[in-house]
Amino acid sequence: MIGGEPFEEPLVMWWNFVARSHEEVVADREDWMAGRRFGTVGGCARDPLPAPPMPNARLKARDRHGRTAG
């Protein structure tokens, strides 16, 4: 867990990803599924969990109060 002051900018949160846009989440999911960029957990012999399919709707950024951006 990471704690601290909430970010001021709107963010998109989906599954294990936090990003600034829908497109960033899509790219992050692709990297996760391809085994790129996220590293491994030491001492764990299991394969990473697969990310669920992206929803059929565009993800919207929300600010720290839960309001959608734009």
PDB file of N, CA and C in Angstrom:
ATOM      1  N   MET A   1       0.832  -1.172   0.000  1.00  0.00           N
ATOM      2  CA  MET A   1       0.000   0.000   0.000  1.00  0.00           C
ATOM      3  C   MET A   1       0.881   1.242   0.000  1.00  0.00           C
ATOM      4  N   ILE A   2       0.416   2.217  -0.725  1.00  0.00           N
ATOM      5  CA  ILE A   2       1.078   3.513  -0.768  1.00  0.00           C
ATOM      6  C   ILE A   2       0.091   4.524  -0.211  1.00  0.00           C
ATOM      7  N   GLY A   3       0.561   5.368   0.659  1.00  0.00           N
ATOM      8  CA  GLY A   3      -0.327   6.366   1.245  1.00  0.00           C
ATOM      9  C   GLY A   3       0.170   7.768   0.958  1.00  0.00           C
ATOM     10  N   GLY A   4      -0.635   8.719   1.297  1.00  0.00           N
ATOM     11  CA  GLY A   4      -0.252  10.116   1.116  1.00  0.00           C
ATOM     12  C   GLY A   4      -1.426  10.933   0.610  1.00  0.00           C
ATOM     13  N   GLU A   5      -1.112  12.157   0.250  1.00  0.00           N
ATOM     14  CA  GLU A   5      -2.128  13.057  -0.280  1.00  0.00           C
ATOM     15  C   GLU A   5      -2.628  12.542  -1.627  1.00  0.00           C
ATOM     16  N   PRO A   6      -3.930  12.629  -1.880  1.00  0.00           N
ATOM     17  CA  PRO A   6      -4.456  12.207  -3.187  1.00  0.00           C
ATOM     18  C   PRO A   6      -3.886  13.084  -4.302  1.00  0.00           C
ATOM     19  N   PHE A   7      -3.752  12.498  -5.477  1.00  0.00           N
ATOM     20  CA  PHE A   7      -3.303  13.265  -6.632  1.00  0.00           C
ATOM     21  C   PHE A   7      -4.334  14.341  -6.952  1.00  0.00           C
ATOM     22  N   GLU A   8      -3.866  15.456  -7.436  1.00  0.00           N
ATOM     23  CA  GLU A   8      -4.762  16.543  -7.832  1.00  0.00           C
ATOM     24  C   GLU A   8      -5.376  16.281  -9.209  1.00  0.00           C
ATOM     25  N   GLU A   9      -4.634  15.590 -10.077  1.00  0.00           N
ATOM     26  CA  GLU A   9      -5.113  15.371 -11.441  1.00  0.00           C
ATOM     27  C   GLU A   9      -6.105  14.208 -11.499  1.00  0.00           C
ATOM     28  N   PRO A  10      -7.045  14.248 -12.432  1.00  0.00           N
ATOM     29  CA  PRO A  10      -7.973  13.120 -12.609  1.00  0.00           C
ATOM     30  C   PRO A  10      -7.217  11.869 -13.069  1.00  0.00           C
ATOM     31  N   LEU A  11      -7.627  10.718 -12.577  1.00  0.00           N
ATOM     32  CA  LEU A  11      -6.989   9.451 -12.918  1.00  0.00           C
ATOM     33  C   LEU A  11      -8.022   8.407 -13.308  1.00  0.00           C
ATOM     34  N   VAL A  12      -7.584   7.451 -14.100  1.00  0.00           N
ATOM     35  CA  VAL A  12      -8.396   6.300 -14.483  1.00  0.00           C
ATOM     36  C   VAL A  12      -7.900   5.123 -13.655  1.00  0.00           C
ATOM     37  N   MET A  13      -8.816   4.424 -12.974  1.00  0.00           N
ATOM     38  CA  MET A  13      -8.448   3.239 -12.209  1.00  0.00           C
ATOM     39  C   MET A  13      -9.259   2.062 -12.735  1.00  0.00           C
ATOM     40  N   TRP A  14      -8.545   0.988 -13.071  1.00  0.00           N
ATOM     41  CA  TRP A  14      -9.198  -0.224 -13.555  1.00  0.00           C
ATOM     42  C   TRP A  14      -8.320  -1.415 -13.211  1.00  0.00           C
ATOM     43  N   TRP A  15      -8.889  -2.422 -12.619  1.00  0.00           N
ATOM     44  CA  TRP A  15      -8.208  -3.628 -12.159  1.00  0.00           C
ATOM     45  C   TRP A  15      -7.001  -3.210 -11.329  1.00  0.00           C
ATOM     46  N   ASN A  16      -5.772  -3.556 -11.729  1.00  0.00           N
ATOM     47  CA  ASN A  16      -4.580  -3.183 -10.961  1.00  0.00           C
ATOM     48  C   ASN A  16      -3.871  -1.963 -11.534  1.00  0.00           C
ATOM     49  N   PHE A  17      -4.515  -1.244 -12.404  1.00  0.00           N
ATOM     50  CA  PHE A  17      -3.850  -0.150 -13.102  1.00  0.00           C
ATOM     51  C   PHE A  17      -4.415   1.208 -12.696  1.00  0.00           C
ATOM     52  N   VAL A  18      -3.526   2.170 -12.587  1.00  0.00           N
ATOM     53  CA  VAL A  18      -3.890   3.572 -12.375  1.00  0.00           C
ATOM     54  C   VAL A  18      -3.170   4.351 -13.463  1.00  0.00           C
ATOM     55  N   ALA A  19      -3.908   5.132 -14.233  1.00  0.00           N
ATOM     56  CA  ALA A  19      -3.322   5.852 -15.358  1.00  0.00           C
ATOM     57  C   ALA A  19      -4.024   7.193 -15.524  1.00  0.00           C
ATOM     58  N   ARG A  20      -3.575   7.937 -16.510  1.00  0.00           N
ATOM     59  CA  ARG A  20      -4.162   9.251 -16.778  1.00  0.00           C
ATOM     60  C   ARG A  20      -5.249   9.201 -17.850  1.00  0.00           C
ATOM     61  N   SER A  21      -5.319   8.070 -18.605  1.00  0.00           N
ATOM     62  CA  SER A  21      -6.301   7.993 -19.679  1.00  0.00           C
ATOM     63  C   SER A  21      -6.676   6.540 -19.958  1.00  0.00           C
ATOM     64  N   HIS A  22      -7.769   6.365 -20.674  1.00  0.00           N
ATOM     65  CA  HIS A  22      -8.197   5.047 -21.131  1.00  0.00           C
ATOM     66  C   HIS A  22      -7.090   4.388 -21.954  1.00  0.00           C
ATOM     67  N   GLU A  23      -6.476   5.168 -22.843  1.00  0.00           N
ATOM     68  CA  GLU A  23      -5.427   4.634 -23.708  1.00  0.00           C
ATOM     69  C   GLU A  23      -4.230   4.121 -22.911  1.00  0.00           C
ATOM     70  N   GLU A  24      -3.867   4.811 -21.831  1.00  0.00           N
ATOM     71  CA  GLU A  24      -2.768   4.333 -20.986  1.00  0.00           C
ATOM     72  C   GLU A  24      -3.122   3.006 -20.325  1.00  0.00           C
ATOM     73  N   VAL A  25      -4.356   2.852 -19.875  1.00  0.00           N
ATOM     74  CA  VAL A  25      -4.778   1.584 -19.265  1.00  0.00           C
ATOM     75  C   VAL A  25      -4.714   0.464 -20.291  1.00  0.00           C
ATOM     76  N   VAL A  26      -5.163   0.725 -21.517  1.00  0.00           N
ATOM     77  CA  VAL A  26      -5.105  -0.284 -22.576  1.00  0.00           C
ATOM     78  C   VAL A  26      -3.643  -0.694 -22.809  1.00  0.00           C
ATOM     79  N   ALA A  27      -2.744   0.278 -22.905  1.00  0.00           N
ATOM     80  CA  ALA A  27      -1.322  -0.027 -23.118  1.00  0.00           C
ATOM     81  C   ALA A  27      -0.738  -0.780 -21.927  1.00  0.00           C
ATOM     82  N   ASP A  28      -1.110  -0.386 -20.717  1.00  0.00           N
ATOM     83  CA  ASP A  28      -0.621  -1.075 -19.520  1.00  0.00           C
ATOM     84  C   ASP A  28      -1.090  -2.527 -19.506  1.00  0.00           C
ATOM     85  N   ARG A  29      -2.342  -2.765 -19.853  1.00  0.00           N
ATOM     86  CA  ARG A  29      -2.865  -4.129 -19.896  1.00  0.00           C
ATOM     87  C   ARG A  29      -2.102  -4.959 -20.921  1.00  0.00           C
ATOM     88  N   GLU A  30      -1.853  -4.383 -22.091  1.00  0.00           N
ATOM     89  CA  GLU A  30      -1.104  -5.104 -23.128  1.00  0.00           C
ATOM     90  C   GLU A  30       0.299  -5.464 -22.630  1.00  0.00           C
ATOM     91  N   ASP A  31       0.970  -4.521 -21.967  1.00  0.00           N
ATOM     92  CA  ASP A  31       2.302  -4.789 -21.413  1.00  0.00           C
ATOM     93  C   ASP A  31       2.235  -5.878 -20.348  1.00  0.00           C
ATOM     94  N   TRP A  32       1.231  -5.810 -19.484  1.00  0.00           N
ATOM     95  CA  TRP A  32       1.069  -6.823 -18.431  1.00  0.00           C
ATOM     96  C   TRP A  32       0.918  -8.216 -19.045  1.00  0.00           C
ATOM     97  N   MET A  33       0.019  -8.329 -20.010  1.00  0.00           N
ATOM     98  CA  MET A  33      -0.265  -9.629 -20.620  1.00  0.00           C
ATOM     99  C   MET A  33       0.944 -10.166 -21.395  1.00  0.00           C
ATOM    100  N   ALA A  34       1.793  -9.276 -21.913  1.00  0.00           N
ATOM    101  CA  ALA A  34       2.983  -9.690 -22.663  1.00  0.00           C
ATOM    102  C   ALA A  34       4.192  -9.914 -21.751  1.00  0.00           C
ATOM    103  N   GLY A  35       4.034  -9.655 -20.454  1.00  0.00           N
ATOM    104  CA  GLY A  35       5.153  -9.839 -19.522  1.00  0.00           C
ATOM    105  C   GLY A  35       6.199  -8.746 -19.596  1.00  0.00           C
ATOM    106  N   ARG A  36       5.802  -7.571 -20.049  1.00  0.00           N
ATOM    107  CA  ARG A  36       6.723  -6.432 -20.161  1.00  0.00           C
ATOM    108  C   ARG A  36       6.523  -5.445 -19.013  1.00  0.00           C
ATOM    109  N   ARG A  37       7.577  -4.808 -18.602  1.00  0.00           N
ATOM    110  CA  ARG A  37       7.578  -3.593 -17.799  1.00  0.00           C
ATOM    111  C   ARG A  37       7.217  -3.754 -16.335  1.00  0.00           C
ATOM    112  N   PHE A  38       6.501  -4.774 -15.920  1.00  0.00           N
ATOM    113  CA  PHE A  38       6.017  -4.835 -14.550  1.00  0.00           C
ATOM    114  C   PHE A  38       6.860  -5.695 -13.619  1.00  0.00           C
ATOM    115  N   GLY A  39       7.817  -6.417 -14.139  1.00  0.00           N
ATOM    116  CA  GLY A  39       8.690  -7.214 -13.292  1.00  0.00           C
ATOM    117  C   GLY A  39       7.994  -8.434 -12.716  1.00  0.00           C
ATOM    118  N   THR A  40       8.644  -9.050 -11.733  1.00  0.00           N
ATOM    119  CA  THR A  40       8.120 -10.265 -11.110  1.00  0.00           C
ATOM    120  C   THR A  40       8.156 -10.117  -9.593  1.00  0.00           C
ATOM    121  N   VAL A  41       7.465 -11.009  -8.919  1.00  0.00           N
ATOM    122  CA  VAL A  41       7.474 -11.057  -7.456  1.00  0.00           C
ATOM    123  C   VAL A  41       8.492 -12.113  -7.054  1.00  0.00           C
ATOM    124  N   GLY A  42       9.508 -11.708  -6.317  1.00  0.00           N
ATOM    125  CA  GLY A  42      10.540 -12.637  -5.893  1.00  0.00           C
ATOM    126  C   GLY A  42       9.982 -13.758  -5.038  1.00  0.00           C
ATOM    127  N   GLY A  43      10.452 -14.978  -5.302  1.00  0.00           N
ATOM    128  CA  GLY A  43      10.031 -16.128  -4.524  1.00  0.00           C
ATOM    129  C   GLY A  43       8.693 -16.714  -4.931  1.00  0.00           C
ATOM    130  N   CYS A  44       8.055 -16.154  -5.936  1.00  0.00           N
ATOM    131  CA  CYS A  44       6.759 -16.674  -6.394  1.00  0.00           C
ATOM    132  C   CYS A  44       6.974 -17.448  -7.689  1.00  0.00           C
ATOM    133  N   ALA A  45       6.625 -18.731  -7.680  1.00  0.00           N
ATOM    134  CA  ALA A  45       6.834 -19.572  -8.856  1.00  0.00           C
ATOM    135  C   ALA A  45       5.619 -19.596  -9.780  1.00  0.00           C
ATOM    136  N   ARG A  46       4.555 -18.969  -9.399  1.00  0.00           N
ATOM    137  CA  ARG A  46       3.334 -18.982 -10.220  1.00  0.00           C
ATOM    138  C   ARG A  46       3.404 -17.958 -11.346  1.00  0.00           C
ATOM    139  N   ASP A  47       2.631 -18.225 -12.390  1.00  0.00           N
ATOM    140  CA  ASP A  47       2.491 -17.253 -13.470  1.00  0.00           C
ATOM    141  C   ASP A  47       1.660 -16.081 -12.965  1.00  0.00           C
ATOM    142  N   PRO A  48       1.885 -14.883 -13.511  1.00  0.00           N
ATOM    143  CA  PRO A  48       1.047 -13.743 -13.130  1.00  0.00           C
ATOM    144  C   PRO A  48      -0.413 -13.993 -13.487  1.00  0.00           C
ATOM    145  N   LEU A  49      -1.308 -13.414 -12.710  1.00  0.00           N
ATOM    146  CA  LEU A  49      -2.733 -13.501 -13.039  1.00  0.00           C
ATOM    147  C   LEU A  49      -2.988 -12.771 -14.350  1.00  0.00           C
ATOM    148  N   PRO A  50      -3.812 -13.335 -15.216  1.00  0.00           N
ATOM    149  CA  PRO A  50      -4.146 -12.607 -16.438  1.00  0.00           C
ATOM    150  C   PRO A  50      -5.100 -11.456 -16.117  1.00  0.00           C
ATOM    151  N   ALA A  51      -4.895 -10.353 -16.806  1.00  0.00           N
ATOM    152  CA  ALA A  51      -5.808  -9.220 -16.647  1.00  0.00           C
ATOM    153  C   ALA A  51      -7.137  -9.566 -17.300  1.00  0.00           C
ATOM    154  N   PRO A  52      -8.243  -9.137 -16.707  1.00  0.00           N
ATOM    155  CA  PRO A  52      -9.530  -9.392 -17.357  1.00  0.00           C
ATOM    156  C   PRO A  52      -9.632  -8.622 -18.671  1.00  0.00           C
ATOM    157  N   PRO A  53     -10.527  -9.021 -19.543  1.00  0.00           N
ATOM    158  CA  PRO A  53     -10.730  -8.262 -20.783  1.00  0.00           C
ATOM    159  C   PRO A  53     -11.157  -6.835 -20.459  1.00  0.00           C
ATOM    160  N   MET A  54     -10.798  -5.926 -21.330  1.00  0.00           N
ATOM    161  CA  MET A  54     -11.225  -4.540 -21.156  1.00  0.00           C
ATOM    162  C   MET A  54     -12.748  -4.473 -21.285  1.00  0.00           C
ATOM    163  N   PRO A  55     -13.381  -3.568 -20.541  1.00  0.00           N
ATOM    164  CA  PRO A  55     -14.829  -3.426 -20.663  1.00  0.00           C
ATOM    165  C   PRO A  55     -15.205  -2.890 -22.044  1.00  0.00           C
ATOM    166  N   ASN A  56     -16.461  -3.053 -22.389  1.00  0.00           N
ATOM    167  CA  ASN A  56     -16.948  -2.577 -23.688  1.00  0.00           C
ATOM    168  C   ASN A  56     -17.257  -1.086 -23.686  1.00  0.00           C
ATOM    169  N   ALA A  57     -16.879  -0.408 -22.649  1.00  0.00           N
ATOM    170  CA  ALA A  57     -17.099   1.039 -22.543  1.00  0.00           C
ATOM    171  C   ALA A  57     -15.764   1.731 -22.309  1.00  0.00           C
ATOM    172  N   ARG A  58     -15.693   2.972 -22.679  1.00  0.00           N
ATOM    173  CA  ARG A  58     -14.483   3.763 -22.462  1.00  0.00           C
ATOM    174  C   ARG A  58     -14.369   4.105 -20.975  1.00  0.00           C
ATOM    175  N   LEU A  59     -13.177   3.919 -20.410  1.00  0.00           N
ATOM    176  CA  LEU A  59     -12.937   4.261 -19.008  1.00  0.00           C
ATOM    177  C   LEU A  59     -12.806   5.773 -18.875  1.00  0.00           C
ATOM    178  N   LYS A  60     -13.388   6.324 -17.825  1.00  0.00           N
ATOM    179  CA  LYS A  60     -13.355   7.765 -17.613  1.00  0.00           C
ATOM    180  C   LYS A  60     -12.493   8.111 -16.410  1.00  0.00           C
ATOM    181  N   ALA A  61     -11.718   9.167 -16.557  1.00  0.00           N
ATOM    182  CA  ALA A  61     -10.915   9.665 -15.448  1.00  0.00           C
ATOM    183  C   ALA A  61     -11.836  10.320 -14.421  1.00  0.00           C
ATOM    184  N   ARG A  62     -11.461  10.182 -13.155  1.00  0.00           N
ATOM    185  CA  ARG A  62     -12.198  10.816 -12.060  1.00  0.00           C
ATOM    186  C   ARG A  62     -11.212  11.584 -11.193  1.00  0.00           C
ATOM    187  N   ASP A  63     -11.703  12.664 -10.614  1.00  0.00           N
ATOM    188  CA  ASP A  63     -10.829  13.433  -9.729  1.00  0.00           C
ATOM    189  C   ASP A  63     -10.881  12.834  -8.314  1.00  0.00           C
ATOM    190  N   ARG A  64     -10.194  13.448  -7.409  1.00  0.00           N
ATOM    191  CA  ARG A  64     -10.081  12.907  -6.054  1.00  0.00           C
ATOM    192  C   ARG A  64     -11.399  12.900  -5.295  1.00  0.00           C
ATOM    193  N   HIS A  65     -12.416  13.558  -5.829  1.00  0.00           N
ATOM    194  CA  HIS A  65     -13.739  13.580  -5.214  1.00  0.00           C
ATOM    195  C   HIS A  65     -14.725  12.647  -5.927  1.00  0.00           C
ATOM    196  N   GLY A  66     -14.217  11.902  -6.939  1.00  0.00           N
ATOM    197  CA  GLY A  66     -15.052  10.964  -7.661  1.00  0.00           C
ATOM    198  C   GLY A  66     -15.809  11.552  -8.841  1.00  0.00           C
ATOM    199  N   ARG A  67     -15.553  12.826  -9.144  1.00  0.00           N
ATOM    200  CA  ARG A  67     -16.225  13.453 -10.288  1.00  0.00           C
ATOM    201  C   ARG A  67     -15.489  13.104 -11.570  1.00  0.00           C
ATOM    202  N   THR A  68     -16.249  12.843 -12.634  1.00  0.00           N
ATOM    203  CA  THR A  68     -15.615  12.554 -13.922  1.00  0.00           C
ATOM    204  C   THR A  68     -14.994  13.812 -14.486  1.00  0.00           C
ATOM    205  N   ALA A  69     -13.890  13.606 -15.158  1.00  0.00           N
ATOM    206  CA  ALA A  69     -13.152  14.743 -15.750  1.00  0.00           C
ATOM    207  C   ALA A  69     -13.791  15.132 -17.065  1.00  0.00           C
ATOM    208  N   GLY A  70     -13.702  16.418 -17.379  1.00  0.00           N
ATOM    209  CA  GLY A  70     -14.158  16.918 -18.672  1.00  0.00           C
ATOM    210  C   GLY A  70     -15.594  16.915 -18.765  1.00  0.00           C
TER     211      GLY A  70
END
